[in-house]
């Protein structure tokens, strides 16, 4: 069994209505766990490095994952008070 390391606090988690209606709870939780661990999903390598830098310096962090309903972004704000899950086309 793999142990996970939390690199990022999420704060309150908000889902857009579209995500809440179309993406399974299991997929959302899996993606949130990956985001917290510092696995930035399908982001370009340059953006993954920016996210690593942003985690250390308290900046905004964005990751991207594929779900059965479509690609989603997970965005954690600089103060780590909240994280938003939305479809890429809602950004």
C-alpha atoms as a PDB file:
ATOM      1  CA  UNK A   1       0.000   0.000   0.000  1.00  0.00           C
ATOM      2  CA  UNK A   2       1.337   3.409  -1.027  1.00  0.00           C
ATOM      3  CA  UNK A   3       1.413   6.190   1.538  1.00  0.00           C
ATOM      4  CA  UNK A   4       0.584   9.657   0.341  1.00  0.00           C
ATOM      5  CA  UNK A   5       2.327  12.852   1.303  1.00  0.00           C
ATOM      6  CA  UNK A   6       0.268  16.003   1.556  1.00  0.00           C
ATOM      7  CA  UNK A   7       2.164  18.884  -0.019  1.00  0.00           C
ATOM      8  CA  UNK A   8      -0.724  21.299  -0.250  1.00  0.00           C
ATOM      9  CA  UNK A   9      -3.591  22.290   2.039  1.00  0.00           C
ATOM     10  CA  UNK A  10      -6.858  22.680   0.161  1.00  0.00           C
ATOM     11  CA  UNK A  11      -8.962  24.762   2.537  1.00  0.00           C
ATOM     12  CA  UNK A  12     -12.664  24.605   1.682  1.00  0.00           C
ATOM     13  CA  UNK A  13     -13.377  22.730  -1.541  1.00  0.00           C
ATOM     14  CA  UNK A  14     -15.922  24.107  -3.991  1.00  0.00           C
ATOM     15  CA  UNK A  15     -17.278  22.382  -7.094  1.00  0.00           C
ATOM     16  CA  UNK A  16     -18.984  24.121  -9.953  1.00  0.00           C
ATOM     17  CA  UNK A  17     -22.524  22.937 -10.563  1.00  0.00           C
ATOM     18  CA  UNK A  18     -21.435  21.244 -13.784  1.00  0.00           C
ATOM     19  CA  UNK A  19     -18.705  19.248 -12.049  1.00  0.00           C
ATOM     20  CA  UNK A  20     -21.020  18.315  -9.168  1.00  0.00           C
ATOM     21  CA  UNK A  21     -23.620  17.046 -11.640  1.00  0.00           C
ATOM     22  CA  UNK A  22     -21.350  15.243 -14.105  1.00  0.00           C
ATOM     23  CA  UNK A  23     -18.237  13.932 -12.322  1.00  0.00           C
ATOM     24  CA  UNK A  24     -18.434  11.025  -9.893  1.00  0.00           C
ATOM     25  CA  UNK A  25     -17.550  11.623  -6.258  1.00  0.00           C
ATOM     26  CA  UNK A  26     -14.902   8.913  -6.544  1.00  0.00           C
ATOM     27  CA  UNK A  27     -13.184  10.708  -9.452  1.00  0.00           C
ATOM     28  CA  UNK A  28     -13.308  14.063  -7.679  1.00  0.00           C
ATOM     29  CA  UNK A  29     -11.787  12.644  -4.493  1.00  0.00           C
ATOM     30  CA  UNK A  30      -9.074  10.840  -6.479  1.00  0.00           C
ATOM     31  CA  UNK A  31      -8.151  14.043  -8.334  1.00  0.00           C
ATOM     32  CA  UNK A  32      -8.148  16.100  -5.118  1.00  0.00           C
ATOM     33  CA  UNK A  33      -5.828  13.561  -3.482  1.00  0.00           C
ATOM     34  CA  UNK A  34      -3.439  13.749  -6.457  1.00  0.00           C
ATOM     35  CA  UNK A  35      -3.514  17.552  -6.323  1.00  0.00           C
ATOM     36  CA  UNK A  36      -2.716  17.522  -2.582  1.00  0.00           C
ATOM     37  CA  UNK A  37       0.195  15.147  -3.159  1.00  0.00           C
ATOM     38  CA  UNK A  38       1.758  17.430  -5.771  1.00  0.00           C
ATOM     39  CA  UNK A  39       0.844  15.262  -8.768  1.00  0.00           C
ATOM     40  CA  UNK A  40      -0.247  18.002 -11.170  1.00  0.00           C
ATOM     41  CA  UNK A  41      -1.889  15.632 -13.639  1.00  0.00           C
ATOM     42  CA  UNK A  42      -1.911  16.621 -17.291  1.00  0.00           C
ATOM     43  CA  UNK A  43      -0.250  20.011 -16.920  1.00  0.00           C
ATOM     44  CA  UNK A  44       2.721  20.753 -19.201  1.00  0.00           C
ATOM     45  CA  UNK A  45       6.134  20.144 -17.592  1.00  0.00           C
ATOM     46  CA  UNK A  46       6.833  23.885 -17.381  1.00  0.00           C
ATOM     47  CA  UNK A  47       3.576  24.425 -15.449  1.00  0.00           C
ATOM     48  CA  UNK A  48       4.351  21.493 -13.130  1.00  0.00           C
ATOM     49  CA  UNK A  49       7.621  23.204 -12.181  1.00  0.00           C
ATOM     50  CA  UNK A  50       5.774  26.484 -11.638  1.00  0.00           C
ATOM     51  CA  UNK A  51       3.328  24.635  -9.347  1.00  0.00           C
ATOM     52  CA  UNK A  52       6.202  23.164  -7.324  1.00  0.00           C
ATOM     53  CA  UNK A  53       7.600  26.672  -6.936  1.00  0.00           C
ATOM     54  CA  UNK A  54       4.117  28.027  -6.064  1.00  0.00           C
ATOM     55  CA  UNK A  55       3.600  25.452  -3.301  1.00  0.00           C
ATOM     56  CA  UNK A  56       6.853  26.511  -1.620  1.00  0.00           C
ATOM     57  CA  UNK A  57       6.118  30.220  -1.923  1.00  0.00           C
ATOM     58  CA  UNK A  58       2.391  30.296  -1.191  1.00  0.00           C
ATOM     59  CA  UNK A  59       1.173  31.109  -4.691  1.00  0.00           C
ATOM     60  CA  UNK A  60      -1.835  29.867  -6.672  1.00  0.00           C
ATOM     61  CA  UNK A  61      -1.621  26.224  -7.789  1.00  0.00           C
ATOM     62  CA  UNK A  62      -3.460  24.745 -10.785  1.00  0.00           C
ATOM     63  CA  UNK A  63      -3.632  21.106 -11.846  1.00  0.00           C
ATOM     64  CA  UNK A  64      -5.516  19.345 -14.630  1.00  0.00           C
ATOM     65  CA  UNK A  65      -6.993  15.848 -14.711  1.00  0.00           C
ATOM     66  CA  UNK A  66      -9.028  13.746 -17.106  1.00  0.00           C
ATOM     67  CA  UNK A  67     -12.372  12.397 -15.907  1.00  0.00           C
ATOM     68  CA  UNK A  68     -15.007  10.372 -17.712  1.00  0.00           C
ATOM     69  CA  UNK A  69     -17.089  13.553 -18.019  1.00  0.00           C
ATOM     70  CA  UNK A  70     -14.232  15.709 -19.335  1.00  0.00           C
ATOM     71  CA  UNK A  71     -11.063  17.481 -18.250  1.00  0.00           C
ATOM     72  CA  UNK A  72     -11.123  19.407 -14.989  1.00  0.00           C
ATOM     73  CA  UNK A  73      -8.921  21.996 -13.345  1.00  0.00           C
ATOM     74  CA  UNK A  74      -8.297  22.081  -9.622  1.00  0.00           C
ATOM     75  CA  UNK A  75      -7.211  25.510  -8.414  1.00  0.00           C
ATOM     76  CA  UNK A  76      -5.957  26.240  -4.913  1.00  0.00           C
ATOM     77  CA  UNK A  77      -5.697  29.898  -3.956  1.00  0.00           C
ATOM     78  CA  UNK A  78      -2.508  31.459  -2.542  1.00  0.00           C
ATOM     79  CA  UNK A  79      -3.789  31.713   1.034  1.00  0.00           C
ATOM     80  CA  UNK A  80      -4.909  28.042   0.875  1.00  0.00           C
ATOM     81  CA  UNK A  81      -8.354  29.039   2.166  1.00  0.00           C
ATOM     82  CA  UNK A  82     -10.171  27.363  -0.702  1.00  0.00           C
ATOM     83  CA  UNK A  83      -9.843  25.117  -3.718  1.00  0.00           C
ATOM     84  CA  UNK A  84     -12.148  25.105  -6.730  1.00  0.00           C
ATOM     85  CA  UNK A  85     -12.876  22.177  -9.056  1.00  0.00           C
ATOM     86  CA  UNK A  86     -14.199  23.130 -12.487  1.00  0.00           C
ATOM     87  CA  UNK A  87     -14.272  21.874 -16.048  1.00  0.00           C
ATOM     88  CA  UNK A  88     -11.512  23.346 -18.204  1.00  0.00           C
ATOM     89  CA  UNK A  89     -14.140  24.999 -20.408  1.00  0.00           C
ATOM     90  CA  UNK A  90     -15.535  26.828 -17.353  1.00  0.00           C
ATOM     91  CA  UNK A  91     -12.229  28.581 -16.647  1.00  0.00           C
END
